[in-house]
Amino acid sequence: MSISDFIKEIKVECTEFINEKKWMRKKFAWQEGYGVFSYSHSHLDNVIRYINNQERKHQRKTFRAEYLEMLDKFGILFEDKYVFDFFE
């Protein structure tokens, strides 16, 4: 499965779930686009550790700050107007 198809499926399923649960006052919808960072299998332990510590990490650094740091780390050029909105 391609990454774009996988992300599309996640967005569709999550949208239906959130709207069925009526967790939002208005109808929930995703922003356009997404960001994906991939790692090789040899980095799997690091990825698992990152996920397990993510909540604690975001107490010290916002998701926005971390995301922009990752774009910089991977040398990804971007324009602020194309970076998704953050809710923090």
C-alpha atoms as a PDB file:
ATOM      1  CA  MET A   1       0.000   0.000   0.000  1.00  0.00           C
ATOM      2  CA  SER A   2       1.372   3.411  -0.866  1.00  0.00           C
ATOM      3  CA  ILE A   3       1.833   6.017   1.853  1.00  0.00           C
ATOM      4  CA  SER A   4      -0.698   8.319   0.179  1.00  0.00           C
ATOM      5  CA  ASP A   5      -3.337   5.545   0.088  1.00  0.00           C
ATOM      6  CA  PHE A   6      -2.579   4.677   3.726  1.00  0.00           C
ATOM      7  CA  ILE A   7      -2.973   8.302   4.849  1.00  0.00           C
ATOM      8  CA  LYS A   8      -6.179   8.633   2.834  1.00  0.00           C
ATOM      9  CA  GLU A   9      -7.604   5.529   4.532  1.00  0.00           C
ATOM     10  CA  ILE A  10      -6.639   6.841   7.991  1.00  0.00           C
ATOM     11  CA  LYS A  11      -8.306  10.182   7.275  1.00  0.00           C
ATOM     12  CA  VAL A  12     -11.489   8.573   5.959  1.00  0.00           C
ATOM     13  CA  GLU A  13     -11.823   6.120   8.861  1.00  0.00           C
ATOM     14  CA  CYS A  14     -11.005   8.719  11.532  1.00  0.00           C
ATOM     15  CA  THR A  15     -13.407  11.250  10.033  1.00  0.00           C
ATOM     16  CA  GLU A  16     -16.256   8.750  10.046  1.00  0.00           C
ATOM     17  CA  PHE A  17     -15.442   7.644  13.595  1.00  0.00           C
ATOM     18  CA  ILE A  18     -15.194  11.178  15.007  1.00  0.00           C
ATOM     19  CA  ASN A  19     -18.381  12.302  13.268  1.00  0.00           C
ATOM     20  CA  GLU A  20     -20.311   9.197  14.382  1.00  0.00           C
ATOM     21  CA  LYS A  21     -19.227   9.833  17.987  1.00  0.00           C
ATOM     22  CA  LYS A  22     -20.206  13.517  17.612  1.00  0.00           C
ATOM     23  CA  TRP A  23     -17.040  14.578  19.425  1.00  0.00           C
ATOM     24  CA  MET A  24     -17.061  17.924  17.595  1.00  0.00           C
ATOM     25  CA  ARG A  25     -19.806  20.510  17.560  1.00  0.00           C
ATOM     26  CA  LYS A  26     -19.315  20.943  13.837  1.00  0.00           C
ATOM     27  CA  LYS A  27     -18.662  18.255  11.288  1.00  0.00           C
ATOM     28  CA  PHE A  28     -15.024  17.142  11.564  1.00  0.00           C
ATOM     29  CA  ALA A  29     -12.805  17.358   8.490  1.00  0.00           C
ATOM     30  CA  TRP A  30      -9.056  17.063   7.957  1.00  0.00           C
ATOM     31  CA  GLN A  31      -6.917  19.805   6.518  1.00  0.00           C
ATOM     32  CA  GLU A  32      -5.480  19.164   3.080  1.00  0.00           C
ATOM     33  CA  GLY A  33      -2.130  17.460   2.891  1.00  0.00           C
ATOM     34  CA  TYR A  34       0.016  15.605   5.392  1.00  0.00           C
ATOM     35  CA  GLY A  35       3.621  15.183   6.457  1.00  0.00           C
ATOM     36  CA  VAL A  36       5.402  11.846   6.508  1.00  0.00           C
ATOM     37  CA  PHE A  37       8.843  10.953   7.768  1.00  0.00           C
ATOM     38  CA  SER A  38      10.131   7.449   7.214  1.00  0.00           C
ATOM     39  CA  TYR A  39      12.912   5.544   8.911  1.00  0.00           C
ATOM     40  CA  SER A  40      14.668   2.329   8.036  1.00  0.00           C
ATOM     41  CA  HIS A  41      13.896  -0.900   9.878  1.00  0.00           C
ATOM     42  CA  SER A  42      17.220  -0.586  11.715  1.00  0.00           C
ATOM     43  CA  HIS A  43      15.802   2.492  13.511  1.00  0.00           C
ATOM     44  CA  LEU A  44      12.668   0.698  14.715  1.00  0.00           C
ATOM     45  CA  ASP A  45      13.722   0.722  18.389  1.00  0.00           C
ATOM     46  CA  ASN A  46      14.286   4.498  18.225  1.00  0.00           C
ATOM     47  CA  VAL A  47      10.854   5.043  16.643  1.00  0.00           C
ATOM     48  CA  ILE A  48       9.140   2.937  19.319  1.00  0.00           C
ATOM     49  CA  ARG A  49      10.994   4.833  22.054  1.00  0.00           C
ATOM     50  CA  TYR A  50       9.962   8.133  20.449  1.00  0.00           C
ATOM     51  CA  ILE A  51       6.287   7.096  20.352  1.00  0.00           C
ATOM     52  CA  ASN A  52       6.366   5.859  23.958  1.00  0.00           C
ATOM     53  CA  ASN A  53       7.861   9.165  25.147  1.00  0.00           C
ATOM     54  CA  GLN A  54       5.880  11.479  22.891  1.00  0.00           C
ATOM     55  CA  GLU A  55       3.411  12.706  25.518  1.00  0.00           C
ATOM     56  CA  ARG A  56       6.208  13.579  27.939  1.00  0.00           C
ATOM     57  CA  LYS A  57       8.246  15.206  25.174  1.00  0.00           C
ATOM     58  CA  HIS A  58       5.371  17.460  24.144  1.00  0.00           C
ATOM     59  CA  GLN A  59       5.178  18.806  27.672  1.00  0.00           C
ATOM     60  CA  ARG A  60       8.589  20.393  27.021  1.00  0.00           C
ATOM     61  CA  LYS A  61       8.336  21.123  23.300  1.00  0.00           C
ATOM     62  CA  THR A  62       5.214  21.833  21.275  1.00  0.00           C
ATOM     63  CA  PHE A  63       4.297  19.601  18.376  1.00  0.00           C
ATOM     64  CA  ARG A  64       4.709  22.606  16.053  1.00  0.00           C
ATOM     65  CA  ALA A  65       8.273  23.222  17.276  1.00  0.00           C
ATOM     66  CA  GLU A  66       9.121  19.539  16.894  1.00  0.00           C
ATOM     67  CA  TYR A  67       7.577  19.308  13.418  1.00  0.00           C
ATOM     68  CA  LEU A  68       9.432  22.373  12.139  1.00  0.00           C
ATOM     69  CA  GLU A  69      12.628  20.988  13.678  1.00  0.00           C
ATOM     70  CA  MET A  70      12.120  17.747  11.735  1.00  0.00           C
ATOM     71  CA  LEU A  71      11.582  19.630   8.473  1.00  0.00           C
ATOM     72  CA  ASP A  72      14.855  21.436   9.101  1.00  0.00           C
ATOM     73  CA  LYS A  73      16.693  18.251  10.145  1.00  0.00           C
ATOM     74  CA  PHE A  74      15.695  16.485   6.933  1.00  0.00           C
ATOM     75  CA  GLY A  75      16.456  19.539   4.780  1.00  0.00           C
ATOM     76  CA  ILE A  76      12.859  19.930   3.643  1.00  0.00           C
ATOM     77  CA  LEU A  77      12.198  23.360   2.203  1.00  0.00           C
ATOM     78  CA  PHE A  78       8.743  24.732   2.951  1.00  0.00           C
ATOM     79  CA  GLU A  79       6.688  27.888   3.037  1.00  0.00           C
ATOM     80  CA  ASP A  80       4.837  28.715   6.238  1.00  0.00           C
ATOM     81  CA  LYS A  81       1.582  29.133   4.313  1.00  0.00           C
ATOM     82  CA  TYR A  82       1.712  25.426   3.379  1.00  0.00           C
ATOM     83  CA  VAL A  83       2.421  24.125   6.887  1.00  0.00           C
ATOM     84  CA  PHE A  84      -0.818  22.870   8.434  1.00  0.00           C
ATOM     85  CA  ASP A  85      -2.561  24.727  11.246  1.00  0.00           C
ATOM     86  CA  PHE A  86      -1.583  23.683  14.756  1.00  0.00           C
ATOM     87  CA  PHE A  87      -4.012  23.508  17.666  1.00  0.00           C
ATOM     88  CA  GLU A  88      -2.033  23.767  20.880  1.00  0.00           C
END
